Amino acid sequence: MNRVFTISSIGLLLALLASASAVIYSKYYSRLLFIDIEKQERALDQYEVEWGQMQLELTTLADQNRVEQSALKELRLVMPLREKTIYIKP
């Protein structure tokens, strides 16, 4: 009887140690995942800021007046005269 009690006590102690180790590992792994999630959220915030800046830049660059001014100054394009314009009927 005493031997059975000792063996079962050792078995329960080993089960307790295994369970405690599993809890510790689980907690450690969840912390690692939480840290990774925080990093990803910070990166996402930065990408959203960059996206907003790019949208603003695109709006600025695509503005009709800016395109026209760039065509006139940088490319030296001019509007053709009315008599030189050819219209094609569909």
C-alpha atoms as a PDB file:
ATOM      1  CA  MET A   1       0.000   0.000   0.000  1.00  0.00           C
ATOM      2  CA  ASN A   2       2.790   2.372   0.922  1.00  0.00           C
ATOM      3  CA  ARG A   3       4.603   1.535  -2.329  1.00  0.00           C
ATOM      4  CA  VAL A   4       1.472   2.283  -4.418  1.00  0.00           C
ATOM      5  CA  PHE A   5       1.070   5.598  -2.611  1.00  0.00           C
ATOM      6  CA  THR A   6       4.710   6.520  -3.344  1.00  0.00           C
ATOM      7  CA  ILE A   7       4.448   5.572  -7.026  1.00  0.00           C
ATOM      8  CA  SER A   8       1.195   7.480  -7.465  1.00  0.00           C
ATOM      9  CA  SER A   9       2.677  10.483  -5.638  1.00  0.00           C
ATOM     10  CA  ILE A  10       5.687  10.474  -7.958  1.00  0.00           C
ATOM     11  CA  GLY A  11       3.372  10.148 -10.975  1.00  0.00           C
ATOM     12  CA  LEU A  12       1.236  13.052  -9.808  1.00  0.00           C
ATOM     13  CA  LEU A  13       4.354  15.127  -9.111  1.00  0.00           C
ATOM     14  CA  LEU A  14       5.646  14.457 -12.635  1.00  0.00           C
ATOM     15  CA  ALA A  15       2.238  15.339 -14.080  1.00  0.00           C
ATOM     16  CA  LEU A  16       2.240  18.540 -12.030  1.00  0.00           C
ATOM     17  CA  LEU A  17       5.729  19.463 -13.259  1.00  0.00           C
ATOM     18  CA  ALA A  18       4.761  18.733 -16.868  1.00  0.00           C
ATOM     19  CA  SER A  19       1.618  20.821 -16.503  1.00  0.00           C
ATOM     20  CA  ALA A  20       3.547  23.689 -14.895  1.00  0.00           C
ATOM     21  CA  SER A  21       6.139  23.561 -17.680  1.00  0.00           C
ATOM     22  CA  ALA A  22       3.373  23.654 -20.280  1.00  0.00           C
ATOM     23  CA  VAL A  23       1.786  26.679 -18.599  1.00  0.00           C
ATOM     24  CA  ILE A  24       5.142  28.494 -18.468  1.00  0.00           C
ATOM     25  CA  TYR A  25       5.859  27.728 -22.121  1.00  0.00           C
ATOM     26  CA  SER A  26       2.361  28.797 -23.133  1.00  0.00           C
ATOM     27  CA  LYS A  27       2.695  32.094 -21.270  1.00  0.00           C
ATOM     28  CA  TYR A  28       6.135  32.736 -22.805  1.00  0.00           C
ATOM     29  CA  TYR A  29       4.883  31.954 -26.311  1.00  0.00           C
ATOM     30  CA  SER A  30       1.825  34.182 -25.871  1.00  0.00           C
ATOM     31  CA  ARG A  31       4.105  37.056 -24.826  1.00  0.00           C
ATOM     32  CA  LEU A  32       6.208  36.540 -27.941  1.00  0.00           C
ATOM     33  CA  LEU A  33       3.084  36.606 -30.080  1.00  0.00           C
ATOM     34  CA  PHE A  34       1.819  39.731 -28.332  1.00  0.00           C
ATOM     35  CA  ILE A  35       5.141  41.493 -28.962  1.00  0.00           C
ATOM     36  CA  ASP A  36       4.965  40.487 -32.618  1.00  0.00           C
ATOM     37  CA  ILE A  37       1.389  41.768 -32.893  1.00  0.00           C
ATOM     38  CA  GLU A  38       2.436  45.101 -31.394  1.00  0.00           C
ATOM     39  CA  LYS A  39       5.280  45.410 -33.928  1.00  0.00           C
ATOM     40  CA  GLN A  40       2.916  44.615 -36.776  1.00  0.00           C
ATOM     41  CA  GLU A  41       0.383  47.189 -35.556  1.00  0.00           C
ATOM     42  CA  ARG A  42       3.091  49.863 -35.386  1.00  0.00           C
ATOM     43  CA  ALA A  43       4.202  48.960 -38.913  1.00  0.00           C
ATOM     44  CA  LEU A  44       0.579  49.122 -40.096  1.00  0.00           C
ATOM     45  CA  ASP A  45       0.178  52.572 -38.555  1.00  0.00           C
ATOM     46  CA  GLN A  46       3.328  53.737 -40.348  1.00  0.00           C
ATOM     47  CA  TYR A  47       2.101  52.310 -43.655  1.00  0.00           C
ATOM     48  CA  GLU A  48      -1.230  54.078 -43.220  1.00  0.00           C
ATOM     49  CA  VAL A  49       0.585  57.381 -42.671  1.00  0.00           C
ATOM     50  CA  GLU A  50       2.692  56.787 -45.787  1.00  0.00           C
ATOM     51  CA  TRP A  51      -0.443  55.849 -47.750  1.00  0.00           C
ATOM     52  CA  GLY A  52      -2.102  59.110 -46.751  1.00  0.00           C
ATOM     53  CA  GLN A  53       0.975  61.081 -47.775  1.00  0.00           C
ATOM     54  CA  MET A  54       1.086  59.306 -51.128  1.00  0.00           C
ATOM     55  CA  GLN A  55      -2.606  59.958 -51.719  1.00  0.00           C
ATOM     56  CA  LEU A  56      -2.032  63.640 -51.023  1.00  0.00           C
ATOM     57  CA  GLU A  57       0.989  63.691 -53.313  1.00  0.00           C
ATOM     58  CA  LEU A  58      -0.972  61.929 -56.061  1.00  0.00           C
ATOM     59  CA  THR A  59      -3.797  64.435 -55.747  1.00  0.00           C
ATOM     60  CA  THR A  60      -1.308  67.286 -55.965  1.00  0.00           C
ATOM     61  CA  LEU A  61       0.575  65.848 -58.936  1.00  0.00           C
ATOM     62  CA  ALA A  62      -2.591  64.974 -60.858  1.00  0.00           C
ATOM     63  CA  ASP A  63      -4.121  68.434 -60.464  1.00  0.00           C
ATOM     64  CA  GLN A  64      -5.135  69.764 -63.895  1.00  0.00           C
ATOM     65  CA  ASN A  65      -3.463  73.150 -63.408  1.00  0.00           C
ATOM     66  CA  ARG A  66      -0.197  71.542 -62.333  1.00  0.00           C
ATOM     67  CA  VAL A  67      -0.216  69.189 -65.329  1.00  0.00           C
ATOM     68  CA  GLU A  68      -0.889  72.091 -67.657  1.00  0.00           C
ATOM     69  CA  GLN A  69       1.849  74.241 -66.119  1.00  0.00           C
ATOM     70  CA  SER A  70       4.330  71.359 -66.315  1.00  0.00           C
ATOM     71  CA  ALA A  71       3.434  70.791 -69.962  1.00  0.00           C
ATOM     72  CA  LEU A  72       3.971  74.462 -70.733  1.00  0.00           C
ATOM     73  CA  LYS A  73       7.182  75.012 -68.773  1.00  0.00           C
ATOM     74  CA  GLU A  74       9.033  71.708 -68.768  1.00  0.00           C
ATOM     75  CA  LEU A  75       7.902  70.172 -72.061  1.00  0.00           C
ATOM     76  CA  ARG A  76       7.234  73.462 -73.886  1.00  0.00           C
ATOM     77  CA  LEU A  77       3.921  72.181 -75.181  1.00  0.00           C
ATOM     78  CA  VAL A  78       1.357  74.643 -76.463  1.00  0.00           C
ATOM     79  CA  MET A  79      -2.287  74.329 -77.392  1.00  0.00           C
ATOM     80  CA  PRO A  80      -2.661  73.952 -81.165  1.00  0.00           C
ATOM     81  CA  LEU A  81      -4.377  76.681 -83.072  1.00  0.00           C
ATOM     82  CA  ARG A  82      -8.054  76.165 -83.789  1.00  0.00           C
ATOM     83  CA  GLU A  83      -7.494  75.906 -87.534  1.00  0.00           C
ATOM     84  CA  LYS A  84      -4.866  73.180 -87.018  1.00  0.00           C
ATOM     85  CA  THR A  85      -7.175  71.040 -84.893  1.00  0.00           C
ATOM     86  CA  ILE A  86      -8.598  68.018 -86.708  1.00  0.00           C
ATOM     87  CA  TYR A  87     -11.793  66.425 -85.443  1.00  0.00           C
ATOM     88  CA  ILE A  88     -12.532  62.793 -86.231  1.00  0.00           C
ATOM     89  CA  LYS A  89     -16.124  61.644 -86.363  1.00  0.00           C
ATOM     90  CA  PRO A  90     -16.865  58.205 -84.929  1.00  0.00           C
END
